Amino acid sequence: MSSEATPNAGPYADIAPTLNDCTRQVLFGQIWERTELPKRERSLITVAALVSLYRVNELPFHLKYALQNGVTREELIELITHLAFYAGWPAANTAIEIARKLCS
C-alpha cells in the first residue's frame, strides 16, 4: 500500500476482488460518504473500535486515513491514551507503537 491511505484498493484485491469491491463501493463509497457524521468523526470512531478490538492489521491504514480526514497526531495519541482505561493497557500500548511508526 502506498504511503498515502486510500480506500480504493485493498491489500487483498488480487485474491478476493469481490470483497475488495464491496469494501470500496459499500463501506467507503456509501457508508463513509454519508453526511450524518463527518469523515473526521468517523475516523475517530473507527480508530477507537480498532484499538478496542485489537485489530492491529487494519489500524495502520485507519490511523493514516484519520490524519487525512483532519484528526491531528495529538488527538490520535490522546484517543489511544483515553482508551487505555477502557480497552486495556496492552491494546493501547500496541496502538501507540503502531502510531509511533506511522508518525515518525
N, C-alpha and C. Protein backbone atom coordinates (compact mmCIF):
# COMPACT_ATOMS: atom_id res chain seq x y z
N MET A 1 0.85 -1.17 0.00
CA MET A 1 0.00 0.00 0.00
C MET A 1 0.89 1.23 0.00
N SER A 2 0.48 2.26 -0.68
CA SER A 2 1.27 3.48 -0.76
C SER A 2 1.31 4.16 0.59
N SER A 3 2.18 5.20 0.68
CA SER A 3 2.30 5.91 1.95
C SER A 3 1.04 6.71 2.26
N GLU A 4 0.26 7.04 1.25
CA GLU A 4 -1.00 7.75 1.47
C GLU A 4 -2.13 6.74 1.55
N ALA A 5 -2.90 6.85 2.61
CA ALA A 5 -4.02 5.92 2.78
C ALA A 5 -5.05 6.16 1.70
N THR A 6 -5.53 5.08 1.12
CA THR A 6 -6.57 5.18 0.10
C THR A 6 -7.51 4.01 0.23
N PRO A 7 -8.81 4.27 0.19
CA PRO A 7 -9.76 3.17 0.27
C PRO A 7 -10.02 2.50 -1.07
N ASN A 8 -9.31 2.90 -2.12
CA ASN A 8 -9.63 2.41 -3.47
C ASN A 8 -9.15 1.00 -3.75
N ALA A 9 -8.09 0.57 -3.11
CA ALA A 9 -7.59 -0.78 -3.36
C ALA A 9 -7.13 -1.40 -2.06
N GLY A 10 -7.68 -2.54 -1.74
CA GLY A 10 -7.28 -3.24 -0.53
C GLY A 10 -6.10 -4.15 -0.80
N PRO A 11 -5.45 -4.60 0.25
CA PRO A 11 -4.30 -5.48 0.08
C PRO A 11 -4.68 -6.87 -0.42
N TYR A 12 -5.98 -7.15 -0.51
CA TYR A 12 -6.45 -8.46 -0.93
C TYR A 12 -7.18 -8.40 -2.27
N ALA A 13 -7.05 -7.32 -3.01
CA ALA A 13 -7.76 -7.16 -4.28
C ALA A 13 -7.40 -8.26 -5.27
N ASP A 14 -6.16 -8.75 -5.21
CA ASP A 14 -5.73 -9.78 -6.15
C ASP A 14 -6.34 -11.15 -5.84
N ILE A 15 -6.60 -11.44 -4.57
CA ILE A 15 -7.11 -12.76 -4.20
C ILE A 15 -8.61 -12.76 -3.93
N ALA A 16 -9.16 -11.62 -3.52
CA ALA A 16 -10.59 -11.53 -3.19
C ALA A 16 -11.18 -10.26 -3.79
N PRO A 17 -11.26 -10.21 -5.11
CA PRO A 17 -11.74 -8.98 -5.75
C PRO A 17 -13.16 -8.59 -5.36
N THR A 18 -14.02 -9.56 -5.10
CA THR A 18 -15.40 -9.24 -4.70
C THR A 18 -15.42 -8.56 -3.34
N LEU A 19 -14.66 -9.10 -2.38
CA LEU A 19 -14.56 -8.47 -1.07
C LEU A 19 -13.98 -7.07 -1.20
N ASN A 20 -12.97 -6.93 -2.02
CA ASN A 20 -12.37 -5.62 -2.25
C ASN A 20 -13.39 -4.65 -2.84
N ASP A 21 -14.15 -5.10 -3.83
CA ASP A 21 -15.16 -4.24 -4.45
C ASP A 21 -16.24 -3.84 -3.46
N CYS A 22 -16.70 -4.78 -2.63
CA CYS A 22 -17.71 -4.45 -1.62
C CYS A 22 -17.18 -3.43 -0.61
N THR A 23 -15.94 -3.63 -0.20
CA THR A 23 -15.32 -2.69 0.73
C THR A 23 -15.25 -1.30 0.11
N ARG A 24 -14.79 -1.25 -1.11
CA ARG A 24 -14.62 0.04 -1.80
C ARG A 24 -15.97 0.70 -2.08
N GLN A 25 -16.91 -0.06 -2.62
CA GLN A 25 -18.18 0.51 -3.06
C GLN A 25 -19.15 0.77 -1.91
N VAL A 26 -19.29 -0.20 -1.00
CA VAL A 26 -20.28 -0.06 0.07
C VAL A 26 -19.70 0.70 1.27
N LEU A 27 -18.61 0.17 1.83
CA LEU A 27 -18.06 0.80 3.03
C LEU A 27 -17.55 2.21 2.75
N PHE A 28 -16.61 2.33 1.80
CA PHE A 28 -16.03 3.64 1.54
C PHE A 28 -16.85 4.47 0.55
N GLY A 29 -17.57 3.83 -0.34
CA GLY A 29 -18.37 4.56 -1.32
C GLY A 29 -19.71 5.04 -0.79
N GLN A 30 -20.27 4.33 0.18
CA GLN A 30 -21.58 4.72 0.72
C GLN A 30 -21.51 5.12 2.20
N ILE A 31 -21.06 4.22 3.05
CA ILE A 31 -21.08 4.48 4.49
C ILE A 31 -20.21 5.68 4.86
N TRP A 32 -18.97 5.69 4.40
CA TRP A 32 -18.07 6.80 4.74
C TRP A 32 -18.51 8.12 4.10
N GLU A 33 -19.34 8.07 3.09
CA GLU A 33 -19.80 9.28 2.40
C GLU A 33 -21.10 9.84 2.96
N ARG A 34 -21.71 9.16 3.90
CA ARG A 34 -22.96 9.67 4.50
C ARG A 34 -22.66 10.98 5.21
N THR A 35 -23.61 11.90 5.17
CA THR A 35 -23.38 13.24 5.71
C THR A 35 -23.74 13.39 7.19
N GLU A 36 -24.36 12.38 7.78
CA GLU A 36 -24.77 12.48 9.18
C GLU A 36 -23.58 12.58 10.15
N LEU A 37 -22.46 12.02 9.78
CA LEU A 37 -21.22 12.15 10.55
C LEU A 37 -20.11 12.57 9.59
N PRO A 38 -19.35 13.59 9.93
CA PRO A 38 -18.21 13.96 9.09
C PRO A 38 -17.14 12.85 9.11
N LYS A 39 -16.32 12.81 8.07
CA LYS A 39 -15.28 11.78 7.99
C LYS A 39 -14.32 11.85 9.17
N ARG A 40 -14.06 13.04 9.68
CA ARG A 40 -13.17 13.19 10.82
C ARG A 40 -13.70 12.39 12.01
N GLU A 41 -14.98 12.53 12.30
CA GLU A 41 -15.58 11.80 13.42
C GLU A 41 -15.67 10.31 13.12
N ARG A 42 -15.95 9.95 11.89
CA ARG A 42 -15.96 8.53 11.51
C ARG A 42 -14.59 7.91 11.75
N SER A 43 -13.55 8.67 11.43
CA SER A 43 -12.19 8.17 11.66
C SER A 43 -11.91 7.96 13.15
N LEU A 44 -12.31 8.91 13.98
CA LEU A 44 -12.11 8.76 15.43
C LEU A 44 -12.85 7.53 15.95
N ILE A 45 -14.07 7.34 15.50
CA ILE A 45 -14.87 6.18 15.92
C ILE A 45 -14.21 4.88 15.45
N THR A 46 -13.77 4.87 14.21
CA THR A 46 -13.16 3.66 13.64
C THR A 46 -11.87 3.31 14.36
N VAL A 47 -11.01 4.30 14.58
CA VAL A 47 -9.75 4.04 15.29
C VAL A 47 -10.05 3.53 16.70
N ALA A 48 -11.02 4.13 17.38
CA ALA A 48 -11.38 3.67 18.73
C ALA A 48 -11.85 2.22 18.71
N ALA A 49 -12.66 1.88 17.73
CA ALA A 49 -13.14 0.50 17.63
C ALA A 49 -11.99 -0.46 17.34
N LEU A 50 -11.11 -0.09 16.43
CA LEU A 50 -9.99 -0.98 16.07
C LEU A 50 -9.04 -1.18 17.25
N VAL A 51 -8.74 -0.10 17.97
CA VAL A 51 -7.87 -0.23 19.15
C VAL A 51 -8.55 -1.13 20.19
N SER A 52 -9.81 -0.87 20.46
CA SER A 52 -10.54 -1.62 21.49
C SER A 52 -10.66 -3.10 21.15
N LEU A 53 -10.83 -3.40 19.88
CA LEU A 53 -10.98 -4.79 19.44
C LEU A 53 -9.64 -5.44 19.09
N TYR A 54 -8.54 -4.69 19.27
CA TYR A 54 -7.19 -5.18 18.99
C TYR A 54 -7.06 -5.64 17.54
N ARG A 55 -7.54 -4.83 16.63
CA ARG A 55 -7.47 -5.12 15.19
C ARG A 55 -6.25 -4.43 14.60
N VAL A 56 -5.08 -4.99 14.89
CA VAL A 56 -3.83 -4.33 14.54
C VAL A 56 -3.52 -4.35 13.04
N ASN A 57 -4.11 -5.26 12.29
CA ASN A 57 -3.86 -5.27 10.85
C ASN A 57 -4.50 -4.08 10.15
N GLU A 58 -5.67 -3.66 10.61
CA GLU A 58 -6.39 -2.56 9.98
C GLU A 58 -5.98 -1.20 10.55
N LEU A 59 -5.37 -1.19 11.71
CA LEU A 59 -5.07 0.06 12.39
C LEU A 59 -4.13 1.00 11.62
N PRO A 60 -3.03 0.54 11.03
CA PRO A 60 -2.16 1.48 10.30
C PRO A 60 -2.89 2.25 9.21
N PHE A 61 -3.69 1.55 8.42
CA PHE A 61 -4.45 2.24 7.36
C PHE A 61 -5.35 3.31 7.96
N HIS A 62 -6.08 2.96 9.01
CA HIS A 62 -7.06 3.90 9.56
C HIS A 62 -6.42 5.03 10.35
N LEU A 63 -5.24 4.82 10.90
CA LEU A 63 -4.51 5.94 11.51
C LEU A 63 -4.12 6.95 10.43
N LYS A 64 -3.60 6.46 9.31
CA LYS A 64 -3.24 7.35 8.19
C LYS A 64 -4.48 8.05 7.65
N TYR A 65 -5.55 7.30 7.50
CA TYR A 65 -6.79 7.86 6.97
C TYR A 65 -7.35 8.93 7.92
N ALA A 66 -7.22 8.70 9.22
CA ALA A 66 -7.67 9.70 10.20
C ALA A 66 -6.90 11.00 10.03
N LEU A 67 -5.60 10.90 9.85
CA LEU A 67 -4.79 12.10 9.63
C LEU A 67 -5.25 12.84 8.37
N GLN A 68 -5.53 12.09 7.31
CA GLN A 68 -6.04 12.70 6.08
C GLN A 68 -7.40 13.35 6.30
N ASN A 69 -8.17 12.81 7.23
CA ASN A 69 -9.52 13.33 7.49
C ASN A 69 -9.54 14.44 8.53
N GLY A 70 -8.37 14.95 8.90
CA GLY A 70 -8.31 16.11 9.77
C GLY A 70 -8.06 15.85 11.24
N VAL A 71 -7.90 14.60 11.62
CA VAL A 71 -7.56 14.28 13.01
C VAL A 71 -6.07 14.56 13.17
N THR A 72 -5.69 15.22 14.25
CA THR A 72 -4.28 15.52 14.46
C THR A 72 -3.56 14.35 15.13
N ARG A 73 -2.26 14.36 15.02
CA ARG A 73 -1.43 13.35 15.68
C ARG A 73 -1.70 13.38 17.19
N GLU A 74 -1.78 14.58 17.75
CA GLU A 74 -2.02 14.73 19.18
C GLU A 74 -3.38 14.15 19.58
N GLU A 75 -4.38 14.35 18.75
CA GLU A 75 -5.70 13.80 19.04
C GLU A 75 -5.69 12.28 19.00
N LEU A 76 -4.96 11.71 18.06
CA LEU A 76 -4.87 10.24 17.98
C LEU A 76 -4.19 9.68 19.23
N ILE A 77 -3.10 10.33 19.66
CA ILE A 77 -2.40 9.87 20.86
C ILE A 77 -3.30 10.01 22.09
N GLU A 78 -4.05 11.11 22.17
CA GLU A 78 -4.98 11.30 23.29
C GLU A 78 -6.09 10.25 23.27
N LEU A 79 -6.59 9.95 22.09
CA LEU A 79 -7.62 8.92 21.95
C LEU A 79 -7.11 7.58 22.47
N ILE A 80 -5.91 7.22 22.04
CA ILE A 80 -5.33 5.94 22.47
C ILE A 80 -5.07 5.94 23.98
N THR A 81 -4.58 7.06 24.51
CA THR A 81 -4.36 7.17 25.95
C THR A 81 -5.67 6.99 26.71
N HIS A 82 -6.71 7.63 26.24
CA HIS A 82 -8.04 7.51 26.86
C HIS A 82 -8.52 6.06 26.82
N LEU A 83 -8.28 5.39 25.70
CA LEU A 83 -8.74 4.01 25.54
C LEU A 83 -7.99 3.03 26.44
N ALA A 84 -6.82 3.41 26.92
CA ALA A 84 -6.08 2.52 27.83
C ALA A 84 -6.94 2.15 29.03
N PHE A 85 -7.79 3.08 29.46
CA PHE A 85 -8.63 2.84 30.63
C PHE A 85 -9.89 2.05 30.31
N TYR A 86 -10.25 1.98 29.05
CA TYR A 86 -11.49 1.30 28.66
C TYR A 86 -11.23 0.03 27.86
N ALA A 87 -10.16 0.01 27.07
CA ALA A 87 -9.85 -1.15 26.24
C ALA A 87 -8.68 -1.95 26.78
N GLY A 88 -7.96 -1.38 27.75
CA GLY A 88 -6.84 -2.08 28.37
C GLY A 88 -5.49 -1.55 27.93
N TRP A 89 -4.54 -1.69 28.85
CA TRP A 89 -3.19 -1.22 28.59
C TRP A 89 -2.53 -1.93 27.42
N PRO A 90 -2.63 -3.25 27.29
CA PRO A 90 -1.98 -3.92 26.15
C PRO A 90 -2.47 -3.39 24.80
N ALA A 91 -3.77 -3.19 24.67
CA ALA A 91 -4.31 -2.68 23.41
C ALA A 91 -3.79 -1.27 23.14
N ALA A 92 -3.77 -0.43 24.16
CA ALA A 92 -3.28 0.94 24.00
C ALA A 92 -1.78 0.96 23.69
N ASN A 93 -1.01 0.14 24.39
CA ASN A 93 0.44 0.10 24.13
C ASN A 93 0.74 -0.34 22.71
N THR A 94 0.03 -1.34 22.23
CA THR A 94 0.22 -1.80 20.86
C THR A 94 -0.15 -0.70 19.87
N ALA A 95 -1.27 -0.03 20.11
CA ALA A 95 -1.71 1.05 19.22
C ALA A 95 -0.71 2.21 19.22
N ILE A 96 -0.15 2.54 20.38
CA ILE A 96 0.85 3.62 20.46
C ILE A 96 2.08 3.26 19.64
N GLU A 97 2.51 2.00 19.71
CA GLU A 97 3.67 1.58 18.91
C GLU A 97 3.39 1.69 17.42
N ILE A 98 2.20 1.31 17.00
CA ILE A 98 1.82 1.42 15.59
C ILE A 98 1.78 2.89 15.19
N ALA A 99 1.20 3.74 16.03
CA ALA A 99 1.13 5.18 15.74
C ALA A 99 2.53 5.78 15.68
N ARG A 100 3.41 5.36 16.57
CA ARG A 100 4.79 5.87 16.57
C ARG A 100 5.47 5.59 15.24
N LYS A 101 5.32 4.38 14.75
CA LYS A 101 5.95 4.01 13.47
C LYS A 101 5.39 4.85 12.33
N LEU A 102 4.09 5.11 12.35
CA LEU A 102 3.47 5.88 11.27
C LEU A 102 3.78 7.36 11.35
N CYS A 103 3.97 7.87 12.55
CA CYS A 103 4.17 9.32 12.73
C CYS A 103 5.63 9.72 12.78
N SER A 104 6.53 8.77 12.68
CA SER A 104 7.96 9.12 12.77
C SER A 104 8.54 9.46 11.42
